[in-house]
Protein backbone atom coordinates (compact mmCIF):
# COMPACT_ATOMS: atom_id res chain seq x y z
CA MET A 1 107.18 117.79 104.28
CA SER A 2 109.63 115.33 102.10
CA SER A 3 108.61 114.63 98.31
CA VAL A 4 108.83 110.57 100.14
CA VAL A 5 106.49 111.37 102.37
CA GLN A 6 103.69 113.53 100.77
CA SER A 7 102.60 111.34 98.25
CA THR A 8 101.39 108.72 101.11
CA VAL A 9 100.01 110.99 103.75
CA ALA A 10 97.38 112.41 100.96
CA PRO A 11 95.31 108.94 100.50
CA LEU A 12 94.73 109.99 104.83
CA ALA A 13 94.14 112.99 104.37
CA SER A 14 91.40 112.56 101.79
CA GLY A 15 87.58 112.39 102.58
CA ALA A 16 86.69 109.65 99.73
CA THR A 17 85.83 106.28 101.58
CA ARG A 18 86.69 104.62 98.48
CA GLU A 19 89.85 106.17 98.11
CA ARG A 20 90.40 104.77 101.62
CA LEU A 21 89.71 101.60 101.75
CA ARG A 22 91.68 101.31 98.49
CA PHE A 23 94.59 102.55 99.96
CA TRP A 24 94.42 100.62 102.82
CA GLY A 25 92.97 97.91 100.77
CA ILE A 26 96.77 97.65 98.54
CA GLN A 27 98.59 98.74 101.83
CA SER A 28 97.63 95.58 103.76
CA THR A 29 98.20 93.30 100.85
CA VAL A 30 101.79 94.86 100.60
CA SER A 31 102.40 94.58 104.40
CA LEU A 32 101.45 90.85 104.59
CA LEU A 33 103.58 90.49 101.35
CA ASP A 34 106.50 91.73 103.13
CA GLN A 35 105.83 90.30 106.40
CA GLY A 36 105.27 86.81 104.28
CA LEU A 37 108.88 87.27 102.57
CA THR A 38 110.63 87.89 106.21
CA SER A 39 108.40 85.35 107.78
CA GLY A 40 109.21 82.84 104.46
CA ALA A 41 112.99 83.53 105.10
CA GLY A 42 113.05 82.53 108.98
CA PHE A 43 110.53 79.32 108.12
CA VAL A 44 112.79 78.37 104.97
CA LEU A 45 115.64 78.52 107.59
CA ASN A 46 114.08 76.46 110.10
CA LEU A 47 112.96 73.77 107.77
CA PHE A 48 115.92 73.09 106.19
CA LEU A 49 117.99 73.47 109.37
CA ALA A 50 115.42 70.99 111.13
CA ARG A 51 115.43 68.48 107.97
CA TRP A 52 119.27 68.66 107.49
CA LEU A 53 120.84 68.97 111.53
CA THR A 54 120.49 66.30 114.19
CA SER A 55 117.65 67.14 116.92
CA GLU A 56 120.34 68.08 118.89
CA GLY A 57 122.09 70.34 116.41
CA TYR A 58 118.91 71.96 115.59
CA GLY A 59 118.29 72.20 119.45
CA ILE A 60 121.70 74.15 119.52
CA PHE A 61 120.24 76.50 116.79
CA ALA A 62 116.47 77.27 119.14
CA LEU A 63 118.91 78.19 121.81
CA ALA A 64 120.99 80.31 120.14
CA PHE A 65 117.95 82.25 118.17
CA ALA A 66 116.04 82.17 121.11
CA SER A 67 118.78 84.16 123.46
CA LEU A 68 118.83 86.54 120.11
CA LEU A 69 114.97 86.62 120.13
CA PHE A 70 115.31 87.48 123.81
CA ILE A 71 118.18 90.52 123.64
CA SER A 72 116.54 92.02 120.41
CA GLY A 73 113.43 92.57 122.96
CA PHE A 74 115.32 95.16 124.54
CA HIS A 75 115.87 96.68 121.13
CA ASN A 76 112.19 96.60 119.96
CA VAL A 77 110.99 98.66 123.22
CA LEU A 78 114.21 101.32 123.04
CA VAL A 79 114.20 101.74 119.28
CA LEU A 80 111.39 100.23 117.34
CA GLU A 81 108.42 100.73 119.57
CA PRO A 82 109.74 104.70 119.80
CA LEU A 83 110.14 105.13 116.02
CA SER A 84 106.37 103.76 115.41
CA VAL A 85 104.57 106.10 118.19
CA PHE A 86 106.93 109.15 117.84
CA GLY A 87 107.89 109.28 114.12
CA PRO A 88 103.95 109.65 112.59
CA ALA A 89 102.57 111.58 115.82
CA ASN A 90 106.22 114.21 116.10
CA TYR A 91 108.29 113.72 113.04
CA GLU A 92 105.62 113.69 110.32
CA HIS A 93 106.87 116.50 108.27
CA SER A 94 110.42 115.77 108.76
CA PRO A 95 111.18 112.07 109.06
CA LEU A 96 114.17 111.26 106.96
CA ALA A 97 116.21 113.42 109.26
CA TYR A 98 114.61 111.46 112.39
CA PHE A 99 115.23 108.10 110.97
CA GLN A 100 119.06 109.29 110.43
CA THR A 101 118.91 109.86 114.17
CA GLN A 102 117.28 106.63 114.82
CA LEU A 103 119.74 104.70 112.94
CA ARG A 104 122.63 106.03 115.04
CA VAL A 105 120.84 105.04 118.39
CA HIS A 106 120.35 101.62 116.73
CA PHE A 107 124.10 100.93 116.40
CA LEU A 108 124.80 102.52 119.95
CA LEU A 109 122.48 100.16 121.13
CA THR A 110 123.47 96.92 119.55
CA ALA A 111 126.85 97.28 119.78
CA ALA A 112 126.46 96.87 123.36
CA LEU A 113 123.81 94.30 123.64
CA SER A 114 126.47 92.38 121.32
CA MET A 115 128.91 92.57 123.90
CA VAL A 116 126.74 91.30 126.78
CA LEU A 117 125.60 88.55 124.72
CA LEU A 118 129.37 87.84 123.73
CA LEU A 119 130.34 87.96 127.55
CA VAL A 120 127.70 85.12 128.40
CA ALA A 121 129.45 83.29 125.91
CA VAL A 122 132.80 83.88 127.02
CA ALA A 123 131.10 82.26 130.27
CA MET A 124 129.51 79.29 128.99
CA PRO A 125 132.02 76.80 129.14
CA ALA A 126 132.99 77.58 132.76
CA PHE A 127 129.21 75.94 133.14
CA GLY A 128 130.29 73.14 130.89
CA ILE A 129 127.94 74.17 128.23
CA HIS A 130 128.05 72.27 124.73
CA ARG A 131 130.47 74.40 122.46
CA GLU A 132 128.64 74.17 119.33
CA LEU A 133 126.09 75.95 121.44
CA VAL A 134 129.16 78.56 122.93
CA LEU A 135 130.17 79.24 119.27
CA ALA A 136 126.27 79.55 117.76
CA THR A 137 125.75 82.38 121.10
CA VAL A 138 129.25 84.25 119.57
CA ALA A 139 127.83 84.09 116.26
CA SER A 140 124.14 85.54 116.98
CA ALA A 141 125.97 88.46 118.81
CA ILE A 142 128.41 89.23 115.75
CA ALA A 143 125.09 88.84 113.61
CA PHE A 144 123.09 90.70 115.71
CA PRO A 145 123.23 94.65 115.21
CA LEU A 146 123.42 93.66 111.04
CA ILE A 147 119.67 91.65 111.63
CA LEU A 148 117.97 94.04 113.35
CA ALA A 149 119.07 96.82 111.11
CA LEU A 150 117.00 95.52 108.14
CA TRP A 151 113.99 95.16 110.75
CA LEU A 152 114.64 99.10 111.89
CA VAL A 153 114.87 100.06 108.13
CA ARG A 154 111.47 97.92 107.02
CA ARG A 155 109.81 99.64 110.44
CA MET A 156 110.72 103.24 108.88
CA CYS A 157 108.96 102.01 105.65
CA TYR A 158 105.94 101.49 107.43
CA VAL A 159 105.73 104.81 109.87
CA VAL A 160 106.54 106.71 106.07
CA HIS A 161 103.69 104.17 104.98
CA ARG A 162 106.05 102.93 102.03
CA PRO A 163 105.21 99.11 102.78
CA ALA A 164 106.48 98.31 99.35
CA VAL A 165 109.73 99.43 99.86
CA ALA A 166 110.24 96.90 102.99
CA VAL A 167 109.29 94.38 99.99
CA TRP A 168 112.47 94.68 98.29
CA GLY A 169 114.55 93.91 101.76
CA SER A 170 112.46 91.59 102.32
CA ALA A 171 113.09 89.88 99.17
CA GLY A 172 116.50 90.56 98.69
CA TYR A 173 117.06 88.96 102.39
CA LEU A 174 115.00 85.70 101.94
CA VAL A 175 117.12 85.28 98.25
CA LEU A 176 120.36 86.09 99.67
CA LEU A 177 119.50 83.71 102.57
CA LEU A 178 118.50 80.60 100.91
CA ALA A 179 120.91 80.56 98.16
CA ALA A 180 123.75 81.51 100.98
CA LEU A 181 121.94 78.43 102.72
CA PHE A 182 122.01 75.73 100.07
CA LEU A 183 125.62 77.01 99.07
CA MET A 184 126.71 76.28 102.76
CA HIS A 185 124.89 72.98 102.38
CA ALA A 186 126.29 71.80 99.35
CA LEU A 187 130.07 72.43 101.33
CA GLY A 188 129.36 70.66 104.03
CA ARG A 189 129.56 73.13 106.16
CA THR A 190 125.79 73.71 107.56
CA ASN A 191 125.80 74.47 111.32
CA PRO A 192 123.87 76.57 114.10
CA ALA A 193 126.64 79.12 113.55
CA VAL A 194 127.14 79.39 110.03
CA ALA A 195 123.38 80.01 109.70
CA MET A 196 123.41 82.85 112.18
CA LEU A 197 126.44 84.57 110.46
CA LEU A 198 124.43 83.76 106.87
CA MET A 199 121.21 85.57 108.33
CA ALA A 200 124.17 88.71 109.23
CA VAL A 201 125.79 88.77 105.80
CA ALA A 202 121.84 88.53 104.10
CA SER A 203 120.94 91.34 106.38
CA ALA A 204 123.96 93.38 104.97
CA VAL A 205 123.24 93.26 101.54
CA ALA A 206 119.45 93.22 101.78
CA ILE A 207 119.26 96.63 103.76
CA LEU A 208 121.07 98.54 101.02
CA VAL A 209 118.06 99.35 98.77
CA PRO A 210 115.74 100.65 101.15
CA LEU A 211 118.13 102.85 102.53
CA LEU A 212 118.61 104.09 99.27
CA LYS A 213 114.98 104.11 98.33
CA LEU A 214 113.79 105.88 101.40
CA GLY A 215 116.83 108.79 100.79
CA ILE A 216 117.55 108.23 104.09
CA LEU A 217 121.66 107.70 102.77
CA SER A 218 121.71 110.82 100.37
CA ALA A 219 119.42 112.87 101.87
CA GLN A 220 119.83 116.55 102.98
CA CYS A 221 117.45 117.31 105.38
CA GLY A 222 118.55 120.90 106.26
CA ILE A 223 117.81 119.82 109.83
CA SER A 224 118.97 117.26 112.46
CA TYR A 225 117.69 116.05 115.81
CA SER A 226 119.94 115.74 118.70
CA LEU A 227 121.00 112.11 119.41
CA LYS A 228 120.76 112.92 123.23
CA GLU A 229 117.04 114.14 122.84
CA VAL A 230 116.05 111.16 120.66
CA LEU A 231 117.85 108.94 123.25
CA ARG A 232 115.53 110.58 126.29
CA GLU A 233 112.45 110.53 124.16
CA ASN A 234 113.10 106.58 123.41
CA TRP A 235 114.00 105.53 127.08
CA THR A 236 111.47 107.64 128.24
CA TYR A 237 108.92 105.85 126.38
CA GLY A 238 110.54 102.27 126.50
CA ARG A 239 111.35 102.31 130.06
CA TRP A 240 108.30 101.04 130.74
CA LEU A 241 108.68 98.12 128.24
CA VAL A 242 112.26 97.17 129.41
CA ALA A 243 111.10 95.19 132.08
CA SER A 244 108.30 93.85 129.98
CA THR A 245 110.37 92.32 127.25
CA THR A 246 112.27 90.44 129.94
CA LEU A 247 108.84 89.01 131.30
CA PHE A 248 107.41 88.34 127.68
CA SER A 249 110.82 86.22 127.26
CA VAL A 250 110.28 84.56 130.23
CA ALA A 251 106.60 83.86 129.66
CA SER A 252 107.51 82.96 125.72
CA GLN A 253 111.04 81.63 125.53
CA THR A 254 111.48 79.64 129.26
CA GLN A 255 109.59 76.62 127.86
CA THR A 256 112.77 75.96 125.00
CA TYR A 257 115.60 76.55 127.94
CA LEU A 258 113.55 74.31 130.43
CA THR A 259 113.01 71.74 127.72
CA ALA A 260 116.62 71.75 126.88
CA ALA A 261 117.83 71.42 130.66
CA LEU A 262 115.07 68.76 131.78
CA LEU A 263 114.32 66.52 128.33
CA GLY A 264 118.05 67.39 126.35
CA LEU A 265 119.13 69.46 123.01
CA GLY A 266 116.97 67.13 121.05
CA SER A 267 113.64 68.30 122.37
CA ALA A 268 114.68 71.54 122.29
CA GLY A 269 114.87 70.72 118.84
CA VAL A 270 112.01 69.20 118.19
CA LEU A 271 109.36 71.67 119.85
CA ARG A 272 110.85 74.51 117.86
CA ALA A 273 110.04 72.73 114.51
CA MET A 274 106.22 71.78 116.18
CA GLN A 275 106.49 75.37 116.38
CA MET A 276 107.06 76.49 113.19
CA PRO A 277 103.30 76.67 111.45
CA SER A 278 101.74 78.34 114.65
CA LEU A 279 105.09 80.68 113.91
CA VAL A 280 103.60 81.73 110.45
CA MET A 281 100.45 82.63 111.53
CA THR A 282 101.97 84.78 114.59
CA GLN A 283 104.11 86.79 111.71
CA VAL A 284 100.68 87.66 110.46
CA VAL A 285 99.06 89.33 113.37
CA SER A 286 102.55 90.97 113.28
CA ALA A 287 102.32 92.12 109.60
CA ILE A 288 99.07 93.51 110.89
CA SER A 289 100.44 94.81 114.37
CA LEU A 290 102.91 96.82 111.94
CA LEU A 291 101.02 98.45 109.61
CA LEU A 292 98.48 99.14 112.04
CA LEU A 293 100.56 100.52 115.06
CA PRO A 294 101.42 104.04 112.97
CA THR A 295 98.34 104.75 111.87
CA MET A 296 97.01 104.66 115.70
CA ALA A 297 99.77 106.51 116.98
CA ARG A 298 98.65 109.47 114.23
CA GLU A 299 95.14 108.94 115.02
CA TYR A 300 96.44 109.77 118.68
CA GLY A 301 98.34 112.53 117.92
CA ARG A 302 95.63 114.35 115.95
CA GLY A 303 93.06 113.47 118.57
CA HIS A 304 91.12 111.06 116.96
CA ILE A 305 89.86 108.80 120.31
CA ASN A 306 87.13 107.13 118.92
CA GLN A 307 88.70 106.03 115.52
CA LEU A 308 91.49 104.89 117.65
CA ARG A 309 89.04 103.16 120.01
CA THR A 310 87.08 101.39 117.18
CA LYS A 311 90.23 100.20 115.04
CA ALA A 312 91.49 98.57 118.41
CA VAL A 313 88.18 96.31 118.44
CA TYR A 314 88.04 95.52 114.92
CA ALA A 315 91.63 94.76 114.71
CA SER A 316 91.13 92.40 117.58
CA VAL A 317 88.04 90.98 116.62
CA GLY A 318 89.17 90.34 112.93
CA LEU A 319 92.69 88.63 114.01
CA ALA A 320 91.07 86.49 116.66
CA ALA A 321 88.73 85.17 114.14
CA ILE A 322 91.53 84.51 111.11
CA THR A 323 93.93 82.88 113.88
CA LEU A 324 91.34 80.68 115.01
CA ILE A 325 90.49 79.35 111.95
CA TYR A 326 93.69 78.81 111.42
CA ALA A 327 94.08 76.77 114.72
CA GLY A 328 90.82 74.70 113.62
CA ALA A 329 93.22 73.72 110.27
CA MET A 330 96.21 72.75 111.85
CA SER A 331 94.10 70.33 114.11
CA VAL A 332 92.86 68.73 110.90
CA PHE A 333 96.02 68.60 109.32
CA ALA A 334 98.60 68.23 111.41
CA LYS A 335 100.27 64.72 110.37
CA PRO A 336 100.03 65.60 106.72
CA ILE A 337 101.72 69.31 107.71
CA GLU A 338 104.53 67.54 109.59
CA ASN A 339 105.16 64.87 107.11
CA LEU A 340 105.53 67.53 104.33
CA MET A 341 107.73 69.75 106.37
CA TYR A 342 109.86 67.72 107.84
CA GLY A 343 109.50 63.88 106.02
CA GLY A 344 107.71 61.89 109.36
CA LYS A 345 111.11 63.05 110.93
CA PHE A 346 108.82 64.32 114.08
CA SER A 347 105.97 62.35 113.40
CA SER A 348 105.57 60.80 116.60
CA SER A 349 104.77 64.62 118.11
CA ALA A 350 102.59 65.64 115.35
CA TRP A 351 100.00 66.52 117.56
CA LEU A 352 101.62 69.23 119.78
CA ILE A 353 101.11 71.47 115.59
CA PRO A 354 97.31 72.16 117.15
CA VAL A 355 98.53 72.91 120.49
CA LEU A 356 101.18 75.52 119.61
CA ALA A 357 98.76 76.64 117.06
CA LEU A 358 96.42 78.34 119.77
CA VAL A 359 99.33 81.00 120.92
CA PRO A 360 98.53 83.07 118.01
CA VAL A 361 94.80 82.86 118.91
CA PHE A 362 96.00 84.53 121.72
CA THR A 363 98.44 86.82 120.26
CA GLY A 364 95.57 88.12 117.90
CA VAL A 365 93.25 88.99 120.42
CA ALA A 366 95.34 91.01 122.13
CA ALA A 367 97.00 92.28 119.33
CA GLY A 368 94.25 95.08 118.72
CA PHE A 369 94.13 96.33 122.62
CA SER A 370 97.75 96.97 122.69
CA MET A 371 98.63 98.47 119.76
CA ALA A 372 95.87 101.15 121.14
CA LEU A 373 97.22 101.32 124.43
CA ARG A 374 100.91 101.51 122.95
CA ALA A 375 100.14 104.08 120.69
CA SER A 376 98.32 106.15 123.43
CA GLN A 377 101.76 106.09 124.55
CA LYS A 378 100.56 104.43 127.82
CA PRO A 379 103.22 101.57 127.50
CA HIS A 380 102.79 100.52 131.03
CA PHE A 381 100.02 98.64 130.33
CA ASP A 382 102.51 96.58 128.13
CA LEU A 383 104.71 96.01 131.49
CA LEU A 384 101.04 95.08 133.30
CA ALA A 385 100.16 92.35 131.09
CA ASN A 386 103.59 90.69 131.35
CA THR A 387 103.80 91.17 134.76
CA LEU A 388 100.80 88.68 135.15
CA SER A 389 101.68 86.53 132.50
CA ALA A 390 105.67 85.69 133.24
CA PRO A 391 104.92 84.08 136.36
CA VAL A 392 102.24 81.79 134.88
CA GLY A 393 104.84 80.76 131.71
CA LEU A 394 107.47 79.68 134.12
CA VAL A 395 105.54 78.18 136.66
CA THR A 396 103.60 76.30 134.30
CA ALA A 397 106.74 75.64 132.21
CA VAL A 398 108.64 73.78 135.56
CA LEU A 399 105.45 71.71 136.04
CA PHE A 400 104.12 70.94 133.30
CA ILE A 401 106.98 70.18 131.69
CA ARG A 402 108.07 67.72 134.23
CA LEU A 403 104.86 65.95 134.23
CA TRP A 404 103.94 66.10 130.35
CA GLY A 405 107.39 66.59 128.73
CA LEU A 406 107.14 68.31 125.32
CA GLY A 407 103.53 68.91 125.48
CA GLY A 408 103.50 70.27 128.99
CA ALA A 409 106.13 73.06 127.44
CA SER A 410 103.31 73.39 124.54
CA MET A 411 100.31 74.05 127.32
CA SER A 412 102.33 76.40 129.04
CA MET A 413 103.43 78.76 126.61
CA VAL A 414 99.35 78.80 125.80
CA ALA A 415 98.71 79.25 129.40
CA GLY A 416 100.96 82.34 129.32
CA PHE A 417 99.58 83.69 126.50
CA ALA A 418 96.19 83.51 127.42
CA VAL A 419 96.88 85.52 130.43
CA TYR A 420 98.57 87.80 128.38
CA ALA A 421 95.71 88.16 126.10
CA ALA A 422 92.81 88.70 128.96
CA VAL A 423 95.02 91.38 130.71
CA PHE A 424 95.01 93.10 127.72
CA PHE A 425 91.29 93.20 127.15
CA TRP A 426 90.88 93.83 130.56
CA SER A 427 92.83 96.83 130.52
CA PHE A 428 91.34 98.07 127.36
CA LEU A 429 87.77 97.69 128.71
CA LEU A 430 88.69 99.66 132.03
CA ARG A 431 90.56 102.42 130.25
CA SER A 432 87.58 102.59 127.94
CA GLY A 433 84.66 102.96 130.48
CA ARG A 434 86.29 106.07 131.65
CA GLN A 435 85.58 109.46 130.27
CA LYS A 436 88.46 110.12 127.33
CA PRO A 437 90.18 107.22 128.24
CA PHE A 438 92.67 107.69 125.85
CA GLU A 439 93.51 111.66 125.99
CA GLN A 440 96.93 112.40 127.20
CA GLY A 441 98.07 112.96 130.88
CA ALA A 442 95.00 110.06 131.70
CA VAL A 443 96.15 107.84 133.89
């Protein structure tokens, strides 16, 4: 086993409860710090863009970023998710060689997805799309491989239980992005397309330290894994989630596009600005999920089914409690938060903040159950959840936006995620009600 991994696996194998608690306490804290730095970079970027740009200009950035998130979903299910599941379960003793192969997969996939986004941008002028939105889409296509390369390397850190290494990349990204953003603002060059390119440049530089610290660039592993075999393994797992990620985007991103189409680009910008406080808690849920998914996958790989199930329940209950408390705080302090963030620019829409804060509540409820099913290599339950939540998100978006404007868009998001959480809860109970519910081969 690589020395990179040995020091991190030892606490997991230890029988001392105190040592385990200490290990996971440190890991959780560092994981939250890492996710906090990454989400903090995105939060501050959006905060200043919302303050500096017009509502229409920020709406253009929101749409371009929504498109980037949409195609990143395919990267997530075809690279990041398989890495988190198969890395700990099948490649625990030779992770660096596996990581090197996954990097090759990453660049092949992101090149193809970037080309798709560029083709969309080329076609946009024919439909009379705003010129700045076309430029922002082109910039997001260029930035896409580099932004997601940082996501990939950070995920590798979690697979080998070294979130502290991920912190180096996240901290570097935050510092570089903010420095470049303020430089462009001082030069009067801030616009949606430039913001996308700044994210790419910051990612490209920030990724170097984690790559070196993990030893991925310099490692002589002595073994190698077939690109074709890893691609096949990724596809076998991720094919269930390709349709799922499309449907998830329908449930979570449709509201932004329909708001722009029905209410205008400025309204799309307001909706995105009011989402920012809730996205902070969504990132907390993601941070804990990133930490727990590899451990659940390892429990499954070792046949520890009861431990897997227990972790799932604790994760969902704990995250539900945290997010509910946060939503309550948002309902009390919505006006002061909006004033602090945007100086009263969106004060008439501040009431949307607590409504949108319900989204991470349902995300938290779903998280533990979702991770357990994914770790047990049964991603088709994710497809089921999104198959049921996507029509709810789409239909309610069309109806609610026409009836209640931005309030309708917000309620539509909440409705879609509520169904998403309910399906995962039901699926977990259904599986747990059967004998040995998560064992290999169980359907």
